[in-house]
Amino acid sequence: MIQANEIKTADDWSGVALDTVTLDFDARFRRRVVLTCDSGRKVLLDLAETTVLNEGDGLVTGEGIIKVKAAPEKLAEIRTKDAPHLMRIAWHLGNRHLPTELHDDCIRIRDDHVIVDMVKKLGAEVEIIDAPFNPEGGAYGHGRTHGHSHGGDLGHDHSHDDGHGHTHDHHH
């Protein structure tokens, strides 16, 4: 089994890849795992810290680079009548700590019937699509949901009203 201990971002390498590995969003947040390439080849990913693997990144092995591909997932693509309305929807999604992919004319989230119903009630149009999911990294991490780390113990707790009838606490 070959081993990869380094990641090159999509912008930091070019050329022909040794192989490809296609992973959904959750599988692209890794530190140490055996991955199966699209050809069936096994590669041990062994990084110093947990890292988000993005579309086009390269896993550096002694034999060459294995290109990361983002697998299509079932997503809700949200569109609105104008940019201010789309920003309002984005605020509601962010307030729920949902991994969110932002585009000029739409927002994509994982398909979730409760959230889809909410954004429709807020006046948005929603289309369910299959596409790679590449959410924003956010201030504290890589588009991850609750359980996020603020990079260590910041020595504080905080609560906030998340707009759906209750508050929740983050204890660090």
C-alpha atoms as a PDB file:
ATOM      1  CA  MET A   1       0.000   0.000   0.000  1.00  0.00           C
ATOM      2  CA  ILE A   2       1.312   3.416  -0.887  1.00  0.00           C
ATOM      3  CA  GLN A   3       1.294   6.257   1.639  1.00  0.00           C
ATOM      4  CA  ALA A   4       0.514   9.979   1.376  1.00  0.00           C
ATOM      5  CA  ASN A   5       1.795  12.323   4.087  1.00  0.00           C
ATOM      6  CA  GLU A   6       1.354  15.645   2.298  1.00  0.00           C
ATOM      7  CA  ILE A   7      -1.377  17.529   0.458  1.00  0.00           C
ATOM      8  CA  LYS A   8      -0.760  19.936  -2.402  1.00  0.00           C
ATOM      9  CA  THR A   9      -3.626  22.317  -3.049  1.00  0.00           C
ATOM     10  CA  ALA A  10      -5.169  22.322  -6.501  1.00  0.00           C
ATOM     11  CA  ASP A  11      -3.295  25.563  -7.258  1.00  0.00           C
ATOM     12  CA  ASP A  12       0.083  24.132  -6.182  1.00  0.00           C
ATOM     13  CA  TRP A  13       0.445  21.229  -8.595  1.00  0.00           C
ATOM     14  CA  SER A  14      -0.208  20.360 -12.210  1.00  0.00           C
ATOM     15  CA  GLY A  15       0.435  17.526 -14.575  1.00  0.00           C
ATOM     16  CA  VAL A  16      -0.879  14.007 -14.885  1.00  0.00           C
ATOM     17  CA  ALA A  17      -2.145  12.348 -11.719  1.00  0.00           C
ATOM     18  CA  LEU A  18      -1.074   8.831 -10.777  1.00  0.00           C
ATOM     19  CA  ASP A  19      -4.708   8.082  -9.881  1.00  0.00           C
ATOM     20  CA  THR A  20      -7.874   9.743  -8.582  1.00  0.00           C
ATOM     21  CA  VAL A  21      -9.922   9.296  -5.429  1.00  0.00           C
ATOM     22  CA  THR A  22     -13.570  10.412  -5.415  1.00  0.00           C
ATOM     23  CA  LEU A  23     -14.943  11.346  -1.999  1.00  0.00           C
ATOM     24  CA  ASP A  24     -18.093  12.999  -0.653  1.00  0.00           C
ATOM     25  CA  PHE A  25     -17.859  16.030   1.635  1.00  0.00           C
ATOM     26  CA  ASP A  26     -17.646  14.058   4.893  1.00  0.00           C
ATOM     27  CA  ALA A  27     -14.958  11.738   3.536  1.00  0.00           C
ATOM     28  CA  ARG A  28     -12.871  14.775   2.499  1.00  0.00           C
ATOM     29  CA  PHE A  29     -12.251  15.820   6.138  1.00  0.00           C
ATOM     30  CA  ARG A  30      -9.433  13.489   7.174  1.00  0.00           C
ATOM     31  CA  ARG A  31      -6.195  12.948   9.041  1.00  0.00           C
ATOM     32  CA  ARG A  32      -5.498   9.219   8.894  1.00  0.00           C
ATOM     33  CA  VAL A  33      -7.478   6.764   6.791  1.00  0.00           C
ATOM     34  CA  VAL A  34      -7.045   4.115   4.101  1.00  0.00           C
ATOM     35  CA  LEU A  35      -8.620   5.416   0.909  1.00  0.00           C
ATOM     36  CA  THR A  36      -9.572   3.398  -2.156  1.00  0.00           C
ATOM     37  CA  CYS A  37      -8.687   5.144  -5.385  1.00  0.00           C
ATOM     38  CA  ASP A  38     -11.004   5.052  -8.373  1.00  0.00           C
ATOM     39  CA  SER A  39      -8.754   2.352  -9.898  1.00  0.00           C
ATOM     40  CA  GLY A  40      -9.026   0.189  -6.749  1.00  0.00           C
ATOM     41  CA  ARG A  41      -5.517   1.073  -5.537  1.00  0.00           C
ATOM     42  CA  LYS A  42      -5.252   1.575  -1.753  1.00  0.00           C
ATOM     43  CA  VAL A  43      -3.486   4.566  -0.258  1.00  0.00           C
ATOM     44  CA  LEU A  44      -2.859   5.325   3.408  1.00  0.00           C
ATOM     45  CA  LEU A  45      -3.472   9.009   4.068  1.00  0.00           C
ATOM     46  CA  ASP A  46      -1.433   9.892   7.160  1.00  0.00           C
ATOM     47  CA  LEU A  47      -1.368  13.626   7.854  1.00  0.00           C
ATOM     48  CA  ALA A  48      -0.098  15.519  10.899  1.00  0.00           C
ATOM     49  CA  GLU A  49      -3.518  17.119  11.444  1.00  0.00           C
ATOM     50  CA  THR A  50      -7.075  16.777  10.203  1.00  0.00           C
ATOM     51  CA  THR A  51      -7.397  18.501   6.855  1.00  0.00           C
ATOM     52  CA  VAL A  52     -10.155  19.270   4.380  1.00  0.00           C
ATOM     53  CA  LEU A  53      -9.410  17.770   0.989  1.00  0.00           C
ATOM     54  CA  ASN A  54     -10.822  19.963  -1.765  1.00  0.00           C
ATOM     55  CA  GLU A  55     -11.618  19.230  -5.391  1.00  0.00           C
ATOM     56  CA  GLY A  56      -8.347  19.092  -7.331  1.00  0.00           C
ATOM     57  CA  ASP A  57      -6.036  18.771  -4.325  1.00  0.00           C
ATOM     58  CA  GLY A  58      -3.242  16.228  -4.650  1.00  0.00           C
ATOM     59  CA  LEU A  59      -2.244  13.497  -2.212  1.00  0.00           C
ATOM     60  CA  VAL A  60       1.542  13.304  -2.496  1.00  0.00           C
ATOM     61  CA  THR A  61       2.929   9.747  -2.569  1.00  0.00           C
ATOM     62  CA  GLY A  62       6.343   8.358  -3.401  1.00  0.00           C
ATOM     63  CA  GLU A  63       4.937   7.186  -6.737  1.00  0.00           C
ATOM     64  CA  GLY A  64       3.180  10.406  -7.770  1.00  0.00           C
ATOM     65  CA  ILE A  65       0.141  12.518  -6.961  1.00  0.00           C
ATOM     66  CA  ILE A  66      -3.356  11.172  -6.442  1.00  0.00           C
ATOM     67  CA  LYS A  67      -5.955  13.768  -7.432  1.00  0.00           C
ATOM     68  CA  VAL A  68      -8.951  14.360  -5.122  1.00  0.00           C
ATOM     69  CA  LYS A  69     -12.350  14.561  -6.794  1.00  0.00           C
ATOM     70  CA  ALA A  70     -15.520  15.729  -5.017  1.00  0.00           C
ATOM     71  CA  ALA A  71     -18.306  13.149  -5.388  1.00  0.00           C
ATOM     72  CA  PRO A  72     -21.778  14.316  -6.383  1.00  0.00           C
ATOM     73  CA  GLU A  73     -24.239  14.462  -3.473  1.00  0.00           C
ATOM     74  CA  LYS A  74     -27.961  15.192  -3.130  1.00  0.00           C
ATOM     75  CA  LEU A  75     -28.120  18.962  -2.582  1.00  0.00           C
ATOM     76  CA  ALA A  76     -30.801  21.604  -2.283  1.00  0.00           C
ATOM     77  CA  GLU A  77     -30.049  24.532  -4.580  1.00  0.00           C
ATOM     78  CA  ILE A  78     -31.748  27.650  -3.218  1.00  0.00           C
ATOM     79  CA  ARG A  79     -32.617  30.646  -5.398  1.00  0.00           C
ATOM     80  CA  THR A  80     -34.429  33.886  -4.589  1.00  0.00           C
ATOM     81  CA  LYS A  81     -35.832  36.916  -6.395  1.00  0.00           C
ATOM     82  CA  ASP A  82     -32.847  39.141  -5.582  1.00  0.00           C
ATOM     83  CA  ALA A  83     -29.549  39.377  -3.698  1.00  0.00           C
ATOM     84  CA  PRO A  84     -30.979  40.863  -0.449  1.00  0.00           C
ATOM     85  CA  HIS A  85     -33.464  37.980  -0.241  1.00  0.00           C
ATOM     86  CA  LEU A  86     -30.655  35.467  -0.845  1.00  0.00           C
ATOM     87  CA  MET A  87     -28.612  37.132   1.926  1.00  0.00           C
ATOM     88  CA  ARG A  88     -31.567  36.790   4.304  1.00  0.00           C
ATOM     89  CA  ILE A  89     -31.773  33.055   3.518  1.00  0.00           C
ATOM     90  CA  ALA A  90     -27.988  32.773   4.012  1.00  0.00           C
ATOM     91  CA  TRP A  91     -28.356  34.388   7.437  1.00  0.00           C
ATOM     92  CA  HIS A  92     -30.977  31.807   8.469  1.00  0.00           C
ATOM     93  CA  LEU A  93     -28.776  28.941   7.262  1.00  0.00           C
ATOM     94  CA  GLY A  94     -25.693  30.341   8.975  1.00  0.00           C
ATOM     95  CA  ASN A  95     -27.614  30.824  12.191  1.00  0.00           C
ATOM     96  CA  ARG A  96     -28.231  27.061  12.123  1.00  0.00           C
ATOM     97  CA  HIS A  97     -24.532  26.330  11.510  1.00  0.00           C
ATOM     98  CA  LEU A  98     -25.287  24.473   8.280  1.00  0.00           C
ATOM     99  CA  PRO A  99     -22.450  23.795   5.870  1.00  0.00           C
ATOM    100  CA  THR A 100     -23.319  26.107   2.985  1.00  0.00           C
ATOM    101  CA  GLU A 101     -21.913  26.552  -0.488  1.00  0.00           C
ATOM    102  CA  LEU A 102     -22.265  30.105  -1.777  1.00  0.00           C
ATOM    103  CA  HIS A 103     -22.608  31.130  -5.427  1.00  0.00           C
ATOM    104  CA  ASP A 104     -23.426  34.488  -7.031  1.00  0.00           C
ATOM    105  CA  ASP A 105     -27.029  33.494  -7.749  1.00  0.00           C
ATOM    106  CA  CYS A 106     -27.771  30.603  -5.393  1.00  0.00           C
ATOM    107  CA  ILE A 107     -26.896  28.776  -2.185  1.00  0.00           C
ATOM    108  CA  ARG A 108     -26.396  25.019  -1.925  1.00  0.00           C
ATOM    109  CA  ILE A 109     -26.891  22.912   1.175  1.00  0.00           C
ATOM    110  CA  ARG A 110     -27.295  19.213   1.746  1.00  0.00           C
ATOM    111  CA  ASP A 111     -30.876  18.163   1.076  1.00  0.00           C
ATOM    112  CA  ASP A 112     -32.770  18.363   4.374  1.00  0.00           C
ATOM    113  CA  HIS A 113     -36.569  18.410   4.161  1.00  0.00           C
ATOM    114  CA  VAL A 114     -36.956  20.520   7.320  1.00  0.00           C
ATOM    115  CA  ILE A 115     -34.570  23.224   6.079  1.00  0.00           C
ATOM    116  CA  VAL A 116     -35.971  23.058   2.542  1.00  0.00           C
ATOM    117  CA  ASP A 117     -39.453  23.631   3.976  1.00  0.00           C
ATOM    118  CA  MET A 118     -38.157  26.587   6.020  1.00  0.00           C
ATOM    119  CA  VAL A 119     -36.514  28.336   3.052  1.00  0.00           C
ATOM    120  CA  LYS A 120     -39.593  27.778   0.905  1.00  0.00           C
ATOM    121  CA  LYS A 121     -41.699  29.435   3.633  1.00  0.00           C
ATOM    122  CA  LEU A 122     -39.227  32.325   3.475  1.00  0.00           C
ATOM    123  CA  GLY A 123     -40.048  32.702  -0.240  1.00  0.00           C
ATOM    124  CA  ALA A 124     -37.133  30.851  -1.852  1.00  0.00           C
ATOM    125  CA  GLU A 125     -37.287  28.414  -4.751  1.00  0.00           C
ATOM    126  CA  VAL A 126     -35.528  25.080  -4.194  1.00  0.00           C
ATOM    127  CA  GLU A 127     -34.354  22.508  -6.704  1.00  0.00           C
ATOM    128  CA  ILE A 128     -32.877  19.176  -5.601  1.00  0.00           C
ATOM    129  CA  ILE A 129     -29.728  18.420  -7.601  1.00  0.00           C
ATOM    130  CA  ASP A 130     -26.799  16.002  -7.622  1.00  0.00           C
ATOM    131  CA  ALA A 131     -23.514  17.908  -7.527  1.00  0.00           C
ATOM    132  CA  PRO A 132     -20.202  17.989  -5.646  1.00  0.00           C
ATOM    133  CA  PHE A 133     -20.571  19.811  -2.302  1.00  0.00           C
ATOM    134  CA  ASN A 134     -17.908  22.412  -1.494  1.00  0.00           C
ATOM    135  CA  PRO A 135     -19.177  24.514   1.423  1.00  0.00           C
ATOM    136  CA  GLU A 136     -17.465  27.594   2.804  1.00  0.00           C
ATOM    137  CA  GLY A 137     -14.769  26.991   5.393  1.00  0.00           C
ATOM    138  CA  GLY A 138     -16.161  29.460   7.896  1.00  0.00           C
ATOM    139  CA  ALA A 139     -14.384  31.386  10.596  1.00  0.00           C
ATOM    140  CA  TYR A 140     -13.609  28.379  12.779  1.00  0.00           C
ATOM    141  CA  GLY A 141     -13.238  25.432  10.481  1.00  0.00           C
ATOM    142  CA  HIS A 142     -14.017  23.871   7.206  1.00  0.00           C
ATOM    143  CA  GLY A 143     -17.780  24.032   6.872  1.00  0.00           C
ATOM    144  CA  ARG A 144     -18.276  21.563   9.687  1.00  0.00           C
ATOM    145  CA  THR A 145     -21.469  21.418  11.740  1.00  0.00           C
ATOM    146  CA  HIS A 146     -21.929  21.446  15.543  1.00  0.00           C
ATOM    147  CA  GLY A 147     -19.028  20.085  17.488  1.00  0.00           C
ATOM    148  CA  HIS A 148     -16.800  22.599  15.776  1.00  0.00           C
ATOM    149  CA  SER A 149     -13.579  23.646  17.393  1.00  0.00           C
ATOM    150  CA  HIS A 150     -12.527  27.206  17.940  1.00  0.00           C
ATOM    151  CA  GLY A 151      -8.883  26.183  17.769  1.00  0.00           C
ATOM    152  CA  GLY A 152      -8.494  25.334  21.430  1.00  0.00           C
ATOM    153  CA  ASP A 153     -10.108  26.373  24.678  1.00  0.00           C
ATOM    154  CA  LEU A 154     -10.946  30.024  24.369  1.00  0.00           C
ATOM    155  CA  GLY A 155     -12.023  30.138  27.992  1.00  0.00           C
ATOM    156  CA  HIS A 156     -15.618  31.184  27.380  1.00  0.00           C
ATOM    157  CA  ASP A 157     -19.096  29.900  26.791  1.00  0.00           C
ATOM    158  CA  HIS A 158     -21.691  31.582  24.653  1.00  0.00           C
ATOM    159  CA  SER A 159     -25.357  31.188  23.824  1.00  0.00           C
ATOM    160  CA  HIS A 160     -27.431  32.629  21.064  1.00  0.00           C
ATOM    161  CA  ASP A 161     -30.973  32.632  19.865  1.00  0.00           C
ATOM    162  CA  ASP A 162     -30.936  30.780  16.588  1.00  0.00           C
ATOM    163  CA  GLY A 163     -34.301  31.990  15.356  1.00  0.00           C
ATOM    164  CA  HIS A 164     -36.242  28.780  15.782  1.00  0.00           C
ATOM    165  CA  GLY A 165     -37.720  29.055  19.229  1.00  0.00           C
ATOM    166  CA  HIS A 166     -34.819  28.117  21.477  1.00  0.00           C
ATOM    167  CA  THR A 167     -31.239  28.882  22.310  1.00  0.00           C
ATOM    168  CA  HIS A 168     -28.289  26.578  22.339  1.00  0.00           C
ATOM    169  CA  ASP A 169     -24.968  26.778  24.072  1.00  0.00           C
ATOM    170  CA  HIS A 170     -21.466  26.113  22.818  1.00  0.00           C
ATOM    171  CA  HIS A 171     -19.207  24.983  25.644  1.00  0.00           C
ATOM    172  CA  HIS A 172     -15.523  25.147  24.844  1.00  0.00           C
END
